[in-house]
Protein backbone atom coordinates (compact mmCIF):
# COMPACT_ATOMS: atom_id res chain seq x y z
CA UNK A 1 14.04 -14.09 27.90
CA UNK A 2 17.86 -15.09 27.96
CA UNK A 3 19.97 -14.71 24.64
CA UNK A 4 19.48 -18.46 23.48
CA UNK A 5 15.25 -17.88 22.80
CA UNK A 6 15.81 -14.31 22.20
CA UNK A 7 18.20 -15.93 18.77
CA UNK A 8 15.74 -18.64 18.72
CA UNK A 9 12.94 -16.08 18.70
CA UNK A 10 14.18 -13.96 15.57
CA UNK A 11 16.24 -16.93 13.71
CA UNK A 12 19.67 -14.61 14.08
CA UNK A 13 22.54 -16.34 15.55
CA UNK A 14 23.55 -15.02 19.93
CA UNK A 15 27.25 -14.25 18.41
CA UNK A 16 25.26 -11.83 16.01
CA UNK A 17 23.33 -10.27 19.64
CA UNK A 18 26.29 -9.59 21.27
CA UNK A 19 27.92 -8.31 18.32
CA UNK A 20 24.48 -5.39 18.27
CA UNK A 21 24.83 -5.01 21.67
CA UNK A 22 28.81 -4.04 21.58
CA UNK A 23 27.76 -2.01 18.94
CA UNK A 24 25.65 -0.23 21.74
CA UNK A 25 22.90 -0.89 19.26
CA UNK A 26 21.08 -2.24 22.21
CA UNK A 27 20.87 -2.21 25.42
CA UNK A 28 19.54 -5.01 27.28
CA UNK A 29 18.95 -5.52 31.07
CA UNK A 30 21.05 -7.47 33.05
CA UNK A 31 20.09 -9.47 36.67
CA UNK A 32 21.29 -8.45 39.45
CA UNK A 33 21.86 -11.74 40.77
CA UNK A 34 23.78 -13.71 37.85
CA UNK A 35 24.39 -10.24 35.61
CA UNK A 36 22.67 -12.27 33.27
CA UNK A 37 20.94 -10.35 30.25
CA UNK A 38 17.57 -10.14 29.45
CA UNK A 39 15.63 -9.39 26.50
CA UNK A 40 12.16 -7.55 26.88
CA UNK A 41 9.73 -7.22 24.06
CA UNK A 42 11.36 -3.78 23.00
CA UNK A 43 14.91 -5.28 23.14
CA UNK A 44 13.38 -7.93 20.53
CA UNK A 45 11.63 -5.14 18.45
CA UNK A 46 14.78 -3.54 18.04
CA UNK A 47 16.33 -6.29 17.45
CA UNK A 48 14.13 -7.06 14.61
CA UNK A 49 14.67 -3.28 13.40
CA UNK A 50 18.14 -3.83 13.38
CA UNK A 51 17.84 -7.07 11.14
CA UNK A 52 15.52 -5.52 8.88
CA UNK A 53 17.50 -2.60 8.24
CA UNK A 54 20.80 -5.00 8.06
CA UNK A 55 19.18 -7.01 5.45
CA UNK A 56 18.79 -4.01 3.37
CA UNK A 57 22.96 -2.87 3.44
CA UNK A 58 22.82 -0.13 5.68
CA UNK A 59 25.08 0.29 7.47
CA UNK A 60 26.08 0.18 11.03
CA UNK A 61 26.51 3.71 11.59
CA UNK A 62 23.30 4.89 9.50
CA UNK A 63 21.09 2.46 11.67
CA UNK A 64 21.69 3.86 14.70
CA UNK A 65 21.15 7.41 13.59
CA UNK A 66 17.98 5.79 12.62
CA UNK A 67 17.19 4.13 15.86
CA UNK A 68 17.88 7.69 17.19
CA UNK A 69 15.21 9.12 15.14
CA UNK A 70 12.80 6.05 15.82
CA UNK A 71 13.33 6.45 19.54
CA UNK A 72 12.83 10.37 18.72
CA UNK A 73 9.98 9.20 16.68
CA UNK A 74 10.83 11.16 13.97
CA UNK A 75 9.78 9.52 10.59
CA UNK A 76 10.52 11.75 8.58
CA UNK A 77 13.68 11.50 9.27
CA UNK A 78 13.67 7.33 9.54
CA UNK A 79 11.85 8.16 5.36
CA UNK A 80 15.25 9.51 4.35
CA UNK A 81 18.04 6.93 5.57
CA UNK A 82 15.93 4.30 3.79
CA UNK A 83 15.54 6.49 0.99
CA UNK A 84 19.15 6.95 1.06
CA UNK A 85 19.62 3.31 1.38
CA UNK A 86 17.38 2.49 -1.50
CA UNK A 87 18.98 4.89 -3.26
CA UNK A 88 22.19 3.24 -2.83
CA UNK A 89 20.76 0.33 -4.13
CA UNK A 90 19.39 1.19 -7.44
CA UNK A 91 22.56 2.86 -8.35
CA UNK A 92 24.50 -0.18 -7.58
CA UNK A 93 21.17 -1.91 -9.76
CA UNK A 94 21.77 0.05 -12.78
CA UNK A 95 25.88 -0.46 -12.53
CA UNK A 96 25.41 -4.28 -12.36
CA UNK A 97 22.58 -4.20 -15.56
CA UNK A 98 25.95 -1.93 -17.52
CA UNK A 99 28.24 -4.67 -16.78
CA UNK A 100 25.84 -7.43 -17.47
CA UNK A 101 25.02 -5.30 -20.92
CA UNK A 102 28.97 -4.74 -21.76
CA UNK A 103 29.47 -8.68 -21.23
CA UNK A 104 27.04 -9.37 -23.92
CA UNK A 105 28.38 -6.87 -26.03
CA UNK A 106 31.89 -8.23 -25.46
CA UNK A 107 30.04 -11.83 -26.32
CA UNK A 108 28.51 -10.56 -29.46
CA UNK A 109 31.89 -9.94 -30.97
CA UNK A 110 33.30 -12.66 -30.00
CA UNK A 111 30.52 -14.83 -31.68
CA UNK A 112 31.07 -12.31 -35.25
CA UNK A 113 32.43 -14.33 -37.85
CA UNK A 114 36.48 -14.54 -38.08
CA UNK A 115 39.43 -13.16 -36.25
CA UNK A 116 38.27 -11.26 -32.77
CA UNK A 117 39.46 -7.89 -32.72
CA UNK A 118 40.75 -8.01 -28.65
CA UNK A 119 40.97 -4.15 -28.74
CA UNK A 120 37.67 -3.19 -29.70
CA UNK A 121 36.68 -5.96 -26.07
CA UNK A 122 39.21 -2.72 -24.70
CA UNK A 123 37.34 -0.48 -25.81
CA UNK A 124 34.25 -1.40 -24.50
CA UNK A 125 35.59 -1.82 -21.19
CA UNK A 126 37.17 1.40 -21.15
CA UNK A 127 33.93 2.71 -22.22
CA UNK A 128 32.41 0.56 -19.44
CA UNK A 129 35.35 1.90 -16.96
CA UNK A 130 34.35 5.42 -18.05
CA UNK A 131 31.30 5.66 -17.42
CA UNK A 132 30.98 4.41 -13.97
CA UNK A 133 33.67 6.33 -13.42
CA UNK A 134 31.90 9.61 -14.44
CA UNK A 135 28.48 7.95 -12.21
CA UNK A 136 30.49 7.83 -8.73
CA UNK A 137 32.78 11.17 -9.66
CA UNK A 138 29.43 13.24 -8.91
CA UNK A 139 29.41 15.55 -5.44
CA UNK A 140 27.58 18.44 -3.85
CA UNK A 141 29.87 21.17 -4.45
CA UNK A 142 27.63 23.92 -4.22
CA UNK A 143 26.01 22.72 -0.84
CA UNK A 144 22.92 23.38 -1.60
CA UNK A 145 21.38 22.23 2.20
CA UNK A 146 22.51 24.98 3.36
CA UNK A 147 21.16 27.16 1.45
CA UNK A 148 17.72 26.15 1.24
CA UNK A 149 16.25 28.25 4.45
CA UNK A 150 16.65 30.70 1.86
CA UNK A 151 16.38 30.21 -1.54
CA UNK A 152 12.70 31.45 -1.63
CA UNK A 153 13.38 35.20 0.46
CA UNK A 154 16.48 35.07 -2.51
CA UNK A 155 13.07 34.55 -4.97
CA UNK A 156 11.47 37.82 -3.92
CA UNK A 157 14.14 39.36 -2.77
CA UNK A 158 15.73 39.16 -6.63
CA UNK A 159 12.05 39.33 -8.39
CA UNK A 160 12.16 43.18 -6.66
CA UNK A 161 15.47 44.40 -8.09
CA UNK A 162 14.56 43.14 -11.28
CA UNK A 163 12.19 46.38 -11.59
CA UNK A 164 15.03 48.11 -11.16
CA UNK A 165 16.14 49.93 -14.33
CA UNK A 166 19.44 49.22 -16.36
CA UNK A 167 21.34 51.93 -15.11
CA UNK A 168 23.54 54.40 -17.82
CA UNK A 169 26.11 51.81 -18.69
CA UNK A 170 23.89 49.20 -19.79
CA UNK A 171 24.73 46.86 -17.02
CA UNK A 172 21.52 46.05 -14.55
CA UNK A 173 22.46 47.14 -10.64
CA UNK A 174 22.24 43.39 -9.97
CA UNK A 175 24.58 42.16 -12.16
CA UNK A 176 27.64 42.69 -9.58
CA UNK A 177 25.07 41.91 -6.21
CA UNK A 178 24.42 38.48 -7.29
CA UNK A 179 26.65 36.29 -8.92
CA UNK A 180 25.71 33.42 -11.54
CA UNK A 181 24.21 30.58 -9.69
CA UNK A 182 21.02 27.83 -10.32
CA UNK A 183 17.72 27.27 -9.75
CA UNK A 184 18.79 25.87 -6.10
CA UNK A 185 20.78 28.90 -5.42
CA UNK A 186 18.07 31.59 -6.81
CA UNK A 187 15.02 31.39 -8.89
CA UNK A 188 14.92 34.72 -10.97
CA UNK A 189 11.41 36.22 -12.88
CA UNK A 190 13.51 39.10 -14.70
CA UNK A 191 12.01 41.12 -17.14
CA UNK A 192 12.62 39.49 -20.75
CA UNK A 193 16.71 40.81 -21.47
CA UNK A 194 15.82 39.99 -25.39
CA UNK A 195 17.68 37.37 -27.55
CA UNK A 196 21.16 38.66 -28.04
CA UNK A 197 24.03 37.13 -28.82
CA UNK A 198 27.62 36.71 -27.96
CA UNK A 199 29.17 38.75 -30.69
CA UNK A 200 27.37 41.87 -29.48
CA UNK A 201 28.34 44.33 -27.32
CA UNK A 202 30.60 44.14 -24.52
CA UNK A 203 28.20 45.52 -21.96
CA UNK A 204 25.51 42.99 -23.57
CA UNK A 205 28.09 40.02 -22.00
CA UNK A 206 28.86 42.18 -19.01
CA UNK A 207 25.07 42.21 -18.50
CA UNK A 208 24.04 39.06 -19.51
CA UNK A 209 26.41 37.44 -16.38
CA UNK A 210 23.39 37.64 -14.36
CA UNK A 211 21.41 34.76 -16.23
CA UNK A 212 18.41 33.97 -14.99
CA UNK A 213 16.25 36.52 -16.97
CA UNK A 214 12.42 34.79 -18.19
CA UNK A 215 13.16 32.54 -15.66
CA UNK A 216 9.55 32.55 -14.64
CA UNK A 217 9.00 32.57 -18.65
CA UNK A 218 10.43 29.82 -18.89
CA UNK A 219 8.76 27.63 -15.77
CA UNK A 220 5.99 28.62 -17.80
CA UNK A 221 6.90 27.30 -21.07
CA UNK A 222 8.21 24.27 -20.34
CA UNK A 223 4.14 23.28 -18.54
CA UNK A 224 2.83 24.79 -20.81
CA UNK A 225 4.52 22.48 -23.82
CA UNK A 226 4.31 19.29 -21.18
CA UNK A 227 0.67 19.72 -21.09
CA UNK A 228 -0.59 16.82 -18.04
CA UNK A 229 -3.65 15.08 -18.13
CA UNK A 230 -5.20 14.00 -15.18
CA UNK A 231 -3.61 12.54 -13.16
CA UNK A 232 -0.43 11.59 -15.78
CA UNK A 233 2.99 10.92 -14.11
CA UNK A 234 5.35 13.09 -13.86
CA UNK A 235 9.27 13.48 -11.91
CA UNK A 236 11.18 16.61 -11.77
CA UNK A 237 14.64 15.95 -11.18
CA UNK A 238 16.61 18.05 -8.99
CA UNK A 239 13.50 19.91 -8.31
CA UNK A 240 14.53 21.72 -5.33
CA UNK A 241 11.58 23.41 -3.52
CA UNK A 242 9.59 21.95 -6.62
CA UNK A 243 8.57 25.66 -8.47
CA UNK A 244 8.30 23.56 -11.75
CA UNK A 245 6.88 20.51 -9.96
CA UNK A 246 4.51 22.64 -8.15
CA UNK A 247 3.26 24.30 -11.84
CA UNK A 248 2.23 20.81 -13.12
CA UNK A 249 1.03 19.75 -9.79
CA UNK A 250 -1.36 22.86 -10.29
CA UNK A 251 -1.80 21.54 -14.03
CA UNK A 252 -3.61 18.22 -12.40
CA UNK A 253 -0.38 15.65 -12.81
CA UNK A 254 0.82 12.79 -10.32
CA UNK A 255 4.10 14.73 -9.09
CA UNK A 256 7.15 13.22 -7.98
CA UNK A 257 10.33 15.63 -7.54
CA UNK A 258 13.42 14.37 -6.41
CA UNK A 259 16.51 16.48 -4.90
CA UNK A 260 20.03 15.23 -3.67
CA UNK A 261 18.97 17.93 -0.64
CA UNK A 262 17.83 16.81 2.44
CA UNK A 263 17.05 20.86 3.34
CA UNK A 264 15.75 21.94 -0.11
CA UNK A 265 13.03 18.73 0.12
CA UNK A 266 11.92 19.77 3.47
CA UNK A 267 11.27 23.18 2.01
CA UNK A 268 9.28 21.12 -1.31
CA UNK A 269 7.47 19.37 1.17
CA UNK A 270 6.61 22.57 3.24
CA UNK A 271 4.67 23.84 0.18
CA UNK A 272 3.22 21.15 -1.34
CA UNK A 273 2.72 18.03 1.08
CA UNK A 274 0.47 16.32 -1.91
CA UNK A 275 3.38 15.93 -4.08
CA UNK A 276 5.58 13.38 -3.95
CA UNK A 277 9.05 13.98 -2.31
CA UNK A 278 12.30 11.92 -2.57
CA UNK A 279 15.96 11.99 -1.88
CA UNK A 280 18.01 10.64 -5.53
CA UNK A 281 20.13 12.35 -8.71
CA UNK A 282 20.01 12.31 -12.34
CA UNK A 283 23.19 9.61 -12.53
CA UNK A 284 20.71 6.60 -10.31
CA UNK A 285 16.72 7.42 -10.44
CA UNK A 286 15.55 5.43 -7.80
CA UNK A 287 12.56 3.78 -9.69
CA UNK A 288 11.43 1.09 -11.97
CA UNK A 289 11.17 1.31 -15.64
CA UNK A 290 8.47 3.23 -17.78
CA UNK A 291 7.14 4.71 -13.58
CA UNK A 292 6.48 7.82 -15.59
CA UNK A 293 4.62 9.71 -17.88
CA UNK A 294 7.01 12.73 -18.50
CA UNK A 295 10.36 14.32 -17.19
CA UNK A 296 11.40 17.56 -16.69
CA UNK A 297 14.11 19.25 -15.07
CA UNK A 298 15.50 23.12 -14.68
CA UNK A 299 18.05 24.55 -13.84
CA UNK A 300 19.86 21.68 -12.35
CA UNK A 301 21.10 18.97 -15.94
CA UNK A 302 24.60 21.65 -16.04
CA UNK A 303 25.94 20.98 -13.22
CA UNK A 304 26.70 17.31 -14.73
CA UNK A 305 29.69 16.81 -16.19
CA UNK A 306 29.44 15.58 -19.98
CA UNK A 307 29.63 11.70 -19.44
CA UNK A 308 27.27 12.08 -16.94
CA UNK A 309 24.72 13.87 -18.82
CA UNK A 310 24.81 10.96 -21.64
CA UNK A 311 24.11 8.92 -18.07
CA UNK A 312 21.43 11.25 -17.14
CA UNK A 313 19.55 10.92 -20.21
CA UNK A 314 19.92 7.12 -20.53
CA UNK A 315 18.31 7.13 -17.29
CA UNK A 316 15.49 9.61 -18.52
CA UNK A 317 15.20 6.92 -21.08
CA UNK A 318 14.47 4.29 -18.27
CA UNK A 319 12.33 5.29 -16.36
CA UNK A 320 10.00 7.26 -18.89
CA UNK A 321 6.57 4.84 -20.62
CA UNK A 322 6.89 4.31 -23.66
CA UNK A 323 6.00 7.82 -24.80
CA UNK A 324 7.13 9.69 -22.54
CA UNK A 325 8.29 13.20 -23.01
CA UNK A 326 11.21 15.05 -21.84
CA UNK A 327 10.63 18.94 -20.57
CA UNK A 328 14.43 20.62 -20.22
CA UNK A 329 14.63 23.96 -19.04
CA UNK A 330 18.38 25.16 -18.45
CA UNK A 331 21.50 26.83 -19.50
CA UNK A 332 23.27 25.98 -23.12
CA UNK A 333 25.00 27.07 -25.98
CA UNK A 334 23.74 27.28 -29.21
CA UNK A 335 26.53 25.16 -30.44
CA UNK A 336 30.16 25.10 -30.60
CA UNK A 337 30.67 28.29 -32.00
CA UNK A 338 28.32 29.78 -30.42
CA UNK A 339 30.15 29.25 -26.92
CA UNK A 340 33.20 29.83 -27.96
CA UNK A 341 32.88 33.37 -28.70
CA UNK A 342 30.74 33.59 -25.01
CA UNK A 343 33.87 32.32 -23.92
CA UNK A 344 36.00 34.96 -25.35
CA UNK A 345 34.08 37.66 -24.32
CA UNK A 346 33.91 36.44 -21.06
CA UNK A 347 37.73 36.38 -21.58
CA UNK A 348 37.74 39.96 -22.94
CA UNK A 349 36.21 41.74 -20.19
CA UNK A 350 38.30 39.92 -17.61
CA UNK A 351 34.55 39.32 -15.26
CA UNK A 352 36.72 36.42 -13.23
CA UNK A 353 33.15 35.23 -11.26
CA UNK A 354 31.40 34.41 -14.93
CA UNK A 355 34.83 32.89 -16.18
CA UNK A 356 35.26 30.20 -13.00
CA UNK A 357 31.20 29.08 -13.12
CA UNK A 358 31.59 28.42 -16.66
CA UNK A 359 34.66 26.13 -15.31
CA UNK A 360 32.64 24.89 -12.70
CA UNK A 361 29.02 24.16 -14.66
CA UNK A 362 29.05 22.01 -17.90
CA UNK A 363 26.27 23.90 -19.70
CA UNK A 364 25.39 21.50 -22.89
CA UNK A 365 25.23 22.00 -26.20
CA UNK A 366 21.65 22.04 -27.83
CA UNK A 367 22.66 21.37 -31.07
CA UNK A 368 24.16 17.87 -29.48
CA UNK A 369 21.11 17.53 -27.22
CA UNK A 370 18.62 17.71 -29.31
CA UNK A 371 20.95 15.24 -32.28
CA UNK A 372 21.12 12.20 -29.67
CA UNK A 373 17.74 12.72 -28.80
CA UNK A 374 16.40 12.60 -31.81
CA UNK A 375 18.97 9.62 -33.15
CA UNK A 376 16.82 7.64 -29.70
CA UNK A 377 13.37 8.34 -31.92
CA UNK A 378 12.26 12.12 -30.40
CA UNK A 379 11.20 14.85 -32.50
CA UNK A 380 12.62 17.92 -30.16
CA UNK A 381 11.42 21.76 -30.58
CA UNK A 382 12.69 24.53 -28.24
CA UNK A 383 12.93 28.12 -27.36
CA UNK A 384 15.19 30.62 -26.09
CA UNK A 385 14.60 32.82 -23.81
CA UNK A 386 17.91 34.86 -22.60
CA UNK A 387 21.27 34.23 -23.70
CA UNK A 388 21.44 30.96 -22.24
CA UNK A 389 18.74 29.71 -21.25
CA UNK A 390 16.74 27.14 -23.42
CA UNK A 391 13.33 25.43 -22.90
CA UNK A 392 13.76 22.00 -24.85
CA UNK A 393 10.92 19.29 -25.62
CA UNK A 394 11.53 15.44 -26.64
CA UNK A 395 8.58 13.60 -27.52
CA UNK A 396 9.19 10.19 -29.28
CA UNK A 397 7.93 10.01 -32.83
CA UNK A 398 6.90 6.17 -31.54
C-alpha cells in the first residue's frame, strides 16, 4: 500500500503517519525506483497499535518503549505500561470527580437563604487545592525497586537474628545492624517484645528502635480478623512481595495486590502466580467503585502524609462494597500523648536514625484513625503487638 491507501485503511491522516515515521515508530520500506514509501500488513498492524496506545493517552516515549517490548515478545512489560497508563487515567478521573463534588458544594452554598459568604467558597477551593497537591506530591523516596531482589532473603536473615538474646545492656544485637525500615525493606517475624510504653526506660526505647517485633503475629492477626469467605474479593495495597496477600489467598480469598514498585510486583507474581497483581497506589486505586469485599494493607500507610492518609481512606471506601471491611497493620502512635512522649525519649537518647525515621514517615494516631472510621459508620477494634505496631479492623455497622 502507498501512504494514501494506508491512511484510508486505518482511518487516520497521512500527516499522522508521516509524524510517526519522523519519530521512528515505524520504518516503511522505500521503492528503489522513486523513493515512495510502501506499507506492508506488518506496518499497518504497527500503526494500528500506535493509534490504540495514543487513544488511551500514552505518551510517544512510552509508546516507543511499549513497541520495543512487543517486538521482543515481552507481554509482561507491555502489561506494565498499560497498567501505568490506566493508573494515570484513574488518577485523572478521581481528581475530576473531586472537582465536580467541590463545584456541587459551591452550588449548594449559593442556593442557601441569605447573602452568600464568599469566604466559604474560598475555603472549599483551598481545601480542594490542598488535597489535589497531596495526591500529586507523593513519590517513592525509598526506591523500592532496588530492594525487591533481596527482600525475602532479608526477611529470612533477620528472622534468624531474632533468635539471639538481648545483650547485657538490654538491647537486641540487631538494633544497630538493621535500622528502621518498612514492609518493603524488611519483614520481621520477631519474638514478642512485650507491650512497653514510651515512658519506660531508656534501654527499652533504644531496643524498640527495631520496630518489627511480632511482624508475623500481626499478619496472622489481620488474616484471622478478616477471615475471608471462599471466593471473597480482597485488595492488598502496598503489597511488596505479597506476604500478607498470600496469607489471605491461602484462606480462599480472590486476592488482588497492588504496589507502585514494578520489581516488588514481579517478585509477588513469582511467589503467587494465581494472584491478580497490578501497578497502583493508595491515592488513586485503579479499580471501579465497590469492587472488593475487604481491603488490607501492612507497613505502607505510614508512608503517606496526614492529608494523603485521608485521601487513601476515602479511596479505600470507594472501592469497597457496602459491607466491605478494612484491615490495617502498621506503625501507629496510640494518641498524641504517646507520640510526644516517644519523640522526647528519642531526642533524649540521641538516636539519629530513629529521629530521621520519625521525620521521614508519618505514623498515624490510632485514636484519630479509629475516630474517623467510626464517623464514617464503621465499628473498630485493634490490638497492639509492640511499641508502635498495631492491627486495626474496621467493619461497617450497616
